[in-house]
């Protein structure tokens, strides 16, 4: 059984490069300096999350069910992986959250007002939604 790919040098903890590939069928070896995906640097539990996310086709509710974790935990883990890869959710997949909110609206899990607030990104630090108003005035028009 093959070993898990090391993420760093066991002697100095520096980053590793892929320099050799081998065919297990005929024992052919290819040497060079090969590109490794940024995903290669993710921790084992992050790779498991990414695999689950892909199996669920990006449906956050399905990821929740599959991993038995809450929606905020799914989002937090996804955001951390994006950050670890050097990406932000705004740079990569802005439609993912929109689709998730619309799926939850269709399933009756949120009201139209709650969905609109989420789409506007108006959430408090505790995850509850609020409407953003002009200069935080109670009398100001909402969006």
N, C-alpha and C. Protein backbone atom coordinates (compact mmCIF):
# COMPACT_ATOMS: atom_id res chain seq x y z
N UNK A 1 0.84 -1.18 0.00
CA UNK A 1 0.00 0.00 0.00
C UNK A 1 0.88 1.25 0.00
N UNK A 2 0.59 2.21 -0.89
CA UNK A 2 1.43 3.42 -0.96
C UNK A 2 1.27 4.31 0.27
N UNK A 3 2.32 5.03 0.58
CA UNK A 3 2.30 5.98 1.69
C UNK A 3 1.57 7.25 1.27
N UNK A 4 1.08 8.00 2.26
CA UNK A 4 0.49 9.30 1.99
C UNK A 4 1.60 10.25 1.57
N UNK A 5 1.33 11.09 0.59
CA UNK A 5 2.31 12.04 0.08
C UNK A 5 2.72 13.01 1.17
N UNK A 6 4.01 13.16 1.42
CA UNK A 6 4.44 14.13 2.43
C UNK A 6 4.20 15.56 1.92
N UNK A 7 3.90 16.45 2.84
CA UNK A 7 3.62 17.84 2.47
C UNK A 7 4.85 18.74 2.57
N UNK A 8 5.84 18.31 3.36
CA UNK A 8 7.06 19.10 3.52
C UNK A 8 8.24 18.17 3.76
N UNK A 9 9.43 18.72 3.63
CA UNK A 9 10.66 17.96 3.82
C UNK A 9 10.75 17.50 5.27
N UNK A 10 11.00 16.21 5.50
CA UNK A 10 11.09 15.73 6.88
C UNK A 10 12.34 16.25 7.61
N UNK A 11 13.35 16.70 6.88
CA UNK A 11 14.58 17.18 7.51
C UNK A 11 14.51 18.66 7.86
N UNK A 12 14.08 19.50 6.89
CA UNK A 12 14.12 20.96 7.13
C UNK A 12 12.75 21.61 7.10
N UNK A 13 11.68 20.85 6.78
CA UNK A 13 10.30 21.33 6.70
C UNK A 13 10.06 22.30 5.55
N UNK A 14 10.98 22.33 4.58
CA UNK A 14 10.80 23.15 3.38
C UNK A 14 9.77 22.52 2.46
N UNK A 15 9.35 23.27 1.44
CA UNK A 15 8.37 22.74 0.49
C UNK A 15 9.04 21.72 -0.43
N UNK A 16 8.26 20.80 -0.92
CA UNK A 16 8.76 19.74 -1.80
C UNK A 16 8.31 19.99 -3.24
N UNK A 17 9.06 19.49 -4.20
CA UNK A 17 8.73 19.55 -5.62
C UNK A 17 8.55 18.13 -6.13
N UNK A 18 7.69 17.97 -7.11
CA UNK A 18 7.53 16.67 -7.76
C UNK A 18 8.60 16.59 -8.85
N UNK A 19 9.49 15.61 -8.72
CA UNK A 19 10.59 15.48 -9.68
C UNK A 19 10.64 14.11 -10.35
N UNK A 20 9.81 13.18 -9.91
CA UNK A 20 9.82 11.87 -10.54
C UNK A 20 8.43 11.25 -10.49
N UNK A 21 8.06 10.61 -11.61
CA UNK A 21 6.81 9.87 -11.70
C UNK A 21 7.15 8.45 -12.10
N UNK A 22 6.40 7.49 -11.60
CA UNK A 22 6.67 6.09 -11.91
C UNK A 22 5.40 5.36 -12.28
N UNK A 23 5.49 4.48 -13.25
CA UNK A 23 4.37 3.65 -13.66
C UNK A 23 4.39 2.36 -12.85
N UNK A 24 3.35 2.06 -12.08
CA UNK A 24 3.34 0.82 -11.29
C UNK A 24 3.19 -0.44 -12.15
N UNK A 25 2.75 -0.26 -13.41
CA UNK A 25 2.54 -1.42 -14.29
C UNK A 25 3.85 -1.90 -14.92
N UNK A 26 4.62 -0.96 -15.49
CA UNK A 26 5.83 -1.38 -16.22
C UNK A 26 7.12 -0.86 -15.61
N UNK A 27 7.03 -0.12 -14.52
CA UNK A 27 8.19 0.42 -13.79
C UNK A 27 8.94 1.52 -14.54
N UNK A 28 8.32 2.09 -15.58
CA UNK A 28 8.94 3.24 -16.26
C UNK A 28 8.99 4.40 -15.29
N UNK A 29 10.10 5.14 -15.32
CA UNK A 29 10.27 6.32 -14.46
C UNK A 29 10.52 7.53 -15.33
N UNK A 30 9.89 8.64 -14.97
CA UNK A 30 10.06 9.89 -15.68
C UNK A 30 10.56 10.92 -14.68
N UNK A 31 11.68 11.55 -14.99
CA UNK A 31 12.24 12.56 -14.09
C UNK A 31 12.12 13.93 -14.73
N UNK A 32 11.91 14.93 -13.91
CA UNK A 32 11.79 16.31 -14.36
C UNK A 32 11.32 17.17 -13.20
N UNK A 33 10.89 18.37 -13.52
CA UNK A 33 10.35 19.28 -12.51
C UNK A 33 8.89 19.51 -12.89
N UNK A 34 7.97 18.81 -12.23
CA UNK A 34 6.58 18.78 -12.62
C UNK A 34 5.74 19.73 -11.78
N UNK A 35 4.71 20.28 -12.42
CA UNK A 35 3.77 21.15 -11.73
C UNK A 35 2.90 20.31 -10.79
N UNK A 36 2.71 20.80 -9.58
CA UNK A 36 1.79 20.16 -8.63
C UNK A 36 0.67 21.16 -8.32
N UNK A 37 -0.53 20.70 -8.35
CA UNK A 37 -1.69 21.54 -8.07
C UNK A 37 -1.59 22.14 -6.67
N UNK A 38 -2.11 23.35 -6.47
CA UNK A 38 -2.17 23.92 -5.12
C UNK A 38 -2.95 23.03 -4.14
N UNK A 39 -3.85 22.21 -4.68
CA UNK A 39 -4.61 21.29 -3.82
C UNK A 39 -3.69 20.31 -3.11
N UNK A 40 -2.54 20.04 -3.69
CA UNK A 40 -1.58 19.11 -3.11
C UNK A 40 -1.14 19.56 -1.71
N UNK A 41 -1.18 20.86 -1.46
CA UNK A 41 -0.73 21.39 -0.17
C UNK A 41 -1.79 21.39 0.91
N UNK A 42 -3.01 21.00 0.56
CA UNK A 42 -4.07 20.96 1.57
C UNK A 42 -3.85 19.81 2.53
N UNK A 43 -4.31 20.01 3.77
CA UNK A 43 -4.25 18.95 4.77
C UNK A 43 -5.25 17.84 4.41
N UNK A 44 -5.05 16.66 4.97
CA UNK A 44 -5.88 15.49 4.66
C UNK A 44 -7.37 15.79 4.87
N UNK A 45 -7.72 16.43 6.00
CA UNK A 45 -9.14 16.72 6.27
C UNK A 45 -9.71 17.74 5.29
N UNK A 46 -8.84 18.66 4.81
CA UNK A 46 -9.29 19.63 3.81
C UNK A 46 -9.54 18.93 2.47
N UNK A 47 -8.68 18.00 2.10
CA UNK A 47 -8.88 17.24 0.87
C UNK A 47 -10.17 16.43 0.94
N UNK A 48 -10.44 15.84 2.09
CA UNK A 48 -11.69 15.08 2.28
C UNK A 48 -12.89 16.01 2.08
N UNK A 49 -12.81 17.23 2.64
CA UNK A 49 -13.89 18.20 2.48
C UNK A 49 -14.08 18.55 1.01
N UNK A 50 -12.97 18.82 0.30
CA UNK A 50 -13.05 19.17 -1.13
C UNK A 50 -13.66 18.03 -1.92
N UNK A 51 -13.26 16.80 -1.64
CA UNK A 51 -13.83 15.64 -2.33
C UNK A 51 -15.33 15.55 -2.07
N UNK A 52 -15.74 15.75 -0.84
CA UNK A 52 -17.17 15.71 -0.50
C UNK A 52 -17.91 16.84 -1.20
N UNK A 53 -17.33 18.03 -1.19
CA UNK A 53 -17.92 19.20 -1.85
C UNK A 53 -18.14 18.90 -3.34
N UNK A 54 -17.16 18.30 -3.99
CA UNK A 54 -17.28 17.97 -5.40
C UNK A 54 -18.30 16.87 -5.64
N UNK A 55 -18.30 15.85 -4.78
CA UNK A 55 -19.29 14.77 -4.90
C UNK A 55 -20.71 15.33 -4.79
N UNK A 56 -20.87 16.34 -3.96
CA UNK A 56 -22.18 16.97 -3.75
C UNK A 56 -22.44 18.07 -4.78
N UNK A 57 -21.54 18.20 -5.74
CA UNK A 57 -21.65 19.19 -6.82
C UNK A 57 -21.81 20.61 -6.32
N UNK A 58 -21.14 20.90 -5.21
CA UNK A 58 -21.14 22.25 -4.68
C UNK A 58 -22.39 22.62 -3.90
N UNK A 59 -23.29 21.68 -3.71
CA UNK A 59 -24.52 21.95 -2.96
C UNK A 59 -24.19 21.91 -1.47
N UNK A 60 -24.15 23.08 -0.85
CA UNK A 60 -23.73 23.19 0.54
C UNK A 60 -24.65 22.40 1.47
N UNK A 61 -25.93 22.37 1.18
CA UNK A 61 -26.86 21.61 2.03
C UNK A 61 -26.54 20.11 1.97
N UNK A 62 -26.15 19.63 0.79
CA UNK A 62 -25.77 18.21 0.67
C UNK A 62 -24.46 17.93 1.41
N UNK A 63 -23.54 18.88 1.38
CA UNK A 63 -22.28 18.73 2.12
C UNK A 63 -22.58 18.66 3.61
N UNK A 64 -23.50 19.53 4.06
CA UNK A 64 -23.93 19.51 5.47
C UNK A 64 -24.38 18.11 5.88
N UNK A 65 -25.27 17.54 5.07
CA UNK A 65 -25.82 16.22 5.37
C UNK A 65 -24.74 15.14 5.32
N UNK A 66 -23.91 15.21 4.31
CA UNK A 66 -22.89 14.18 4.11
C UNK A 66 -21.86 14.16 5.25
N UNK A 67 -21.45 15.35 5.71
CA UNK A 67 -20.44 15.45 6.76
C UNK A 67 -21.05 15.62 8.15
N UNK A 68 -22.38 15.76 8.21
CA UNK A 68 -23.08 15.95 9.48
C UNK A 68 -22.55 17.17 10.23
N UNK A 69 -22.45 18.30 9.50
CA UNK A 69 -22.00 19.56 10.08
C UNK A 69 -22.98 20.65 9.69
N UNK A 70 -22.92 21.78 10.38
CA UNK A 70 -23.86 22.87 10.13
C UNK A 70 -23.46 23.69 8.90
N UNK A 71 -24.44 24.44 8.39
CA UNK A 71 -24.20 25.33 7.24
C UNK A 71 -23.05 26.30 7.52
N UNK A 72 -23.03 26.99 8.69
CA UNK A 72 -21.91 27.90 8.95
C UNK A 72 -20.55 27.18 8.99
N UNK A 73 -20.53 25.93 9.45
CA UNK A 73 -19.29 25.17 9.49
C UNK A 73 -18.83 24.84 8.07
N UNK A 74 -19.77 24.47 7.19
CA UNK A 74 -19.42 24.20 5.79
C UNK A 74 -18.81 25.45 5.18
N UNK A 75 -19.49 26.59 5.36
CA UNK A 75 -19.00 27.85 4.80
C UNK A 75 -17.63 28.22 5.35
N UNK A 76 -17.46 28.03 6.66
CA UNK A 76 -16.19 28.36 7.31
C UNK A 76 -15.06 27.50 6.75
N UNK A 77 -15.31 26.21 6.61
CA UNK A 77 -14.28 25.31 6.07
C UNK A 77 -13.96 25.64 4.62
N UNK A 78 -14.99 25.94 3.84
CA UNK A 78 -14.79 26.30 2.45
C UNK A 78 -13.98 27.60 2.35
N UNK A 79 -14.36 28.59 3.15
CA UNK A 79 -13.62 29.86 3.15
C UNK A 79 -12.17 29.66 3.57
N UNK A 80 -11.92 28.79 4.55
CA UNK A 80 -10.54 28.54 5.00
C UNK A 80 -9.72 27.87 3.90
N UNK A 81 -10.32 26.93 3.19
CA UNK A 81 -9.62 26.26 2.09
C UNK A 81 -9.30 27.26 1.00
N UNK A 82 -10.27 28.10 0.65
CA UNK A 82 -10.03 29.13 -0.37
C UNK A 82 -8.89 30.05 0.07
N UNK A 83 -8.90 30.43 1.34
CA UNK A 83 -7.84 31.29 1.88
C UNK A 83 -6.48 30.58 1.82
N UNK A 84 -6.45 29.30 2.22
CA UNK A 84 -5.21 28.53 2.19
C UNK A 84 -4.66 28.37 0.78
N UNK A 85 -5.55 28.35 -0.20
CA UNK A 85 -5.13 28.26 -1.60
C UNK A 85 -4.75 29.62 -2.18
N UNK A 86 -4.95 30.67 -1.38
CA UNK A 86 -4.62 32.02 -1.84
C UNK A 86 -5.73 32.67 -2.63
N UNK A 87 -6.93 32.14 -2.52
CA UNK A 87 -8.10 32.68 -3.22
C UNK A 87 -9.07 33.25 -2.20
N UNK A 88 -10.01 34.03 -2.69
CA UNK A 88 -11.14 34.45 -1.86
C UNK A 88 -12.40 34.02 -2.58
N UNK A 89 -13.46 33.83 -1.85
CA UNK A 89 -14.71 33.38 -2.47
C UNK A 89 -15.20 34.37 -3.52
N UNK A 90 -14.95 35.67 -3.32
CA UNK A 90 -15.37 36.67 -4.29
C UNK A 90 -14.60 36.54 -5.58
N UNK A 91 -13.33 36.11 -5.50
CA UNK A 91 -12.51 35.99 -6.69
C UNK A 91 -12.84 34.74 -7.49
N UNK A 92 -13.38 33.74 -6.85
CA UNK A 92 -13.48 32.45 -7.52
C UNK A 92 -14.90 32.06 -7.89
N UNK A 93 -15.79 31.93 -6.93
CA UNK A 93 -17.09 31.36 -7.19
C UNK A 93 -18.22 32.22 -6.62
N UNK A 94 -18.42 33.44 -7.15
CA UNK A 94 -19.46 34.28 -6.56
C UNK A 94 -20.86 33.71 -6.69
N UNK A 95 -21.10 32.84 -7.66
CA UNK A 95 -22.44 32.31 -7.86
C UNK A 95 -22.76 31.17 -6.90
N UNK A 96 -21.77 30.55 -6.27
CA UNK A 96 -22.01 29.41 -5.40
C UNK A 96 -22.96 29.77 -4.27
N UNK A 97 -22.71 30.88 -3.59
CA UNK A 97 -23.57 31.28 -2.48
C UNK A 97 -24.97 31.63 -2.98
N UNK A 98 -25.06 32.30 -4.11
CA UNK A 98 -26.36 32.66 -4.66
C UNK A 98 -27.19 31.43 -4.93
N UNK A 99 -26.58 30.42 -5.53
CA UNK A 99 -27.29 29.18 -5.83
C UNK A 99 -27.74 28.51 -4.53
N UNK A 100 -26.87 28.50 -3.53
CA UNK A 100 -27.21 27.89 -2.25
C UNK A 100 -28.40 28.59 -1.60
N UNK A 101 -28.39 29.90 -1.62
CA UNK A 101 -29.50 30.67 -1.02
C UNK A 101 -30.79 30.38 -1.78
N UNK A 102 -30.71 30.34 -3.11
CA UNK A 102 -31.91 30.05 -3.89
C UNK A 102 -32.44 28.63 -3.65
N UNK A 103 -31.52 27.68 -3.49
CA UNK A 103 -31.95 26.31 -3.17
C UNK A 103 -32.65 26.26 -1.82
N UNK A 104 -32.11 26.98 -0.83
CA UNK A 104 -32.73 27.01 0.50
C UNK A 104 -34.07 27.71 0.45
N UNK A 105 -34.19 28.76 -0.37
CA UNK A 105 -35.47 29.45 -0.53
C UNK A 105 -36.49 28.51 -1.16
N UNK A 106 -36.08 27.80 -2.20
CA UNK A 106 -36.98 26.86 -2.87
C UNK A 106 -37.44 25.75 -1.93
N UNK A 107 -36.54 25.31 -1.03
CA UNK A 107 -36.89 24.24 -0.09
C UNK A 107 -37.71 24.77 1.09
N UNK A 108 -37.91 26.08 1.16
CA UNK A 108 -38.69 26.65 2.25
C UNK A 108 -37.91 26.81 3.54
N UNK A 109 -36.59 26.74 3.46
CA UNK A 109 -35.75 26.84 4.65
C UNK A 109 -35.52 28.28 5.09
N UNK A 110 -35.71 29.24 4.16
CA UNK A 110 -35.60 30.66 4.49
C UNK A 110 -36.74 31.40 3.81
N UNK A 111 -37.08 32.57 4.33
CA UNK A 111 -38.11 33.40 3.72
C UNK A 111 -37.48 34.22 2.60
N UNK A 112 -38.31 34.85 1.79
CA UNK A 112 -37.82 35.71 0.72
C UNK A 112 -36.97 36.83 1.31
N UNK A 113 -37.44 37.42 2.41
CA UNK A 113 -36.70 38.51 3.03
C UNK A 113 -35.33 38.05 3.52
N UNK A 114 -35.30 36.87 4.16
CA UNK A 114 -34.02 36.34 4.65
C UNK A 114 -33.07 36.04 3.49
N UNK A 115 -33.61 35.50 2.40
CA UNK A 115 -32.79 35.21 1.23
C UNK A 115 -32.21 36.49 0.65
N UNK A 116 -33.03 37.53 0.55
CA UNK A 116 -32.54 38.81 0.03
C UNK A 116 -31.43 39.38 0.92
N UNK A 117 -31.62 39.28 2.22
CA UNK A 117 -30.60 39.78 3.15
C UNK A 117 -29.29 39.01 2.99
N UNK A 118 -29.38 37.68 2.86
CA UNK A 118 -28.18 36.87 2.68
C UNK A 118 -27.48 37.22 1.37
N UNK A 119 -28.25 37.40 0.30
CA UNK A 119 -27.66 37.73 -0.99
C UNK A 119 -26.97 39.09 -0.97
N UNK A 120 -27.46 39.97 -0.12
CA UNK A 120 -26.82 41.27 0.02
C UNK A 120 -25.61 41.20 0.94
N UNK A 121 -25.42 40.06 1.59
CA UNK A 121 -24.28 39.89 2.49
C UNK A 121 -24.45 40.60 3.81
N UNK A 122 -25.67 40.76 4.24
CA UNK A 122 -25.95 41.52 5.45
C UNK A 122 -26.20 40.58 6.62
N UNK A 123 -25.13 40.06 7.17
CA UNK A 123 -25.25 39.18 8.33
C UNK A 123 -24.46 39.74 9.48
N UNK A 124 -24.92 39.45 10.67
CA UNK A 124 -24.21 39.89 11.86
C UNK A 124 -23.14 38.88 12.22
N UNK A 125 -22.32 39.18 13.22
CA UNK A 125 -21.28 38.26 13.64
C UNK A 125 -21.85 36.96 14.20
N UNK A 126 -23.13 36.95 14.57
CA UNK A 126 -23.75 35.74 15.10
C UNK A 126 -24.49 34.96 14.02
N UNK A 127 -24.41 35.44 12.78
CA UNK A 127 -25.04 34.71 11.68
C UNK A 127 -26.47 35.13 11.39
N UNK A 128 -27.07 35.96 12.25
CA UNK A 128 -28.42 36.41 11.96
C UNK A 128 -28.35 37.53 10.94
N UNK A 129 -29.42 37.69 10.19
CA UNK A 129 -29.39 38.69 9.13
C UNK A 129 -29.95 40.01 9.61
N UNK A 130 -29.52 41.07 8.97
CA UNK A 130 -30.06 42.40 9.25
C UNK A 130 -30.01 43.18 7.95
N UNK A 131 -30.88 44.14 7.80
CA UNK A 131 -30.86 45.00 6.62
C UNK A 131 -29.87 46.12 6.84
N UNK A 132 -29.10 46.38 5.83
CA UNK A 132 -28.13 47.47 5.88
C UNK A 132 -28.87 48.75 5.51
N UNK A 133 -28.71 49.79 6.26
CA UNK A 133 -29.38 51.05 5.97
C UNK A 133 -28.35 52.13 5.73
N UNK A 134 -28.75 53.18 5.07
CA UNK A 134 -27.87 54.30 4.80
C UNK A 134 -27.42 54.92 6.11
N UNK A 135 -26.14 54.93 6.36
CA UNK A 135 -25.52 55.49 7.58
C UNK A 135 -26.15 54.92 8.85
N UNK A 136 -26.62 53.68 8.79
CA UNK A 136 -27.19 52.98 9.94
C UNK A 136 -28.35 53.73 10.59
N UNK A 137 -29.03 54.56 9.85
CA UNK A 137 -30.18 55.30 10.38
C UNK A 137 -31.42 54.41 10.34
N UNK A 138 -32.19 54.44 11.45
CA UNK A 138 -33.42 53.64 11.49
C UNK A 138 -34.43 54.13 10.48
N UNK A 139 -34.41 55.43 10.19
CA UNK A 139 -35.40 56.00 9.29
C UNK A 139 -34.97 55.98 7.84
N UNK A 140 -33.73 55.58 7.58
CA UNK A 140 -33.24 55.57 6.19
C UNK A 140 -33.90 54.46 5.41
N UNK A 141 -33.98 54.67 4.10
CA UNK A 141 -34.57 53.65 3.25
C UNK A 141 -33.69 52.41 3.23
N UNK A 142 -34.33 51.25 3.23
CA UNK A 142 -33.58 49.99 3.13
C UNK A 142 -33.29 49.73 1.66
N UNK A 143 -32.07 49.34 1.43
CA UNK A 143 -31.55 49.12 0.09
C UNK A 143 -32.50 49.63 -0.90
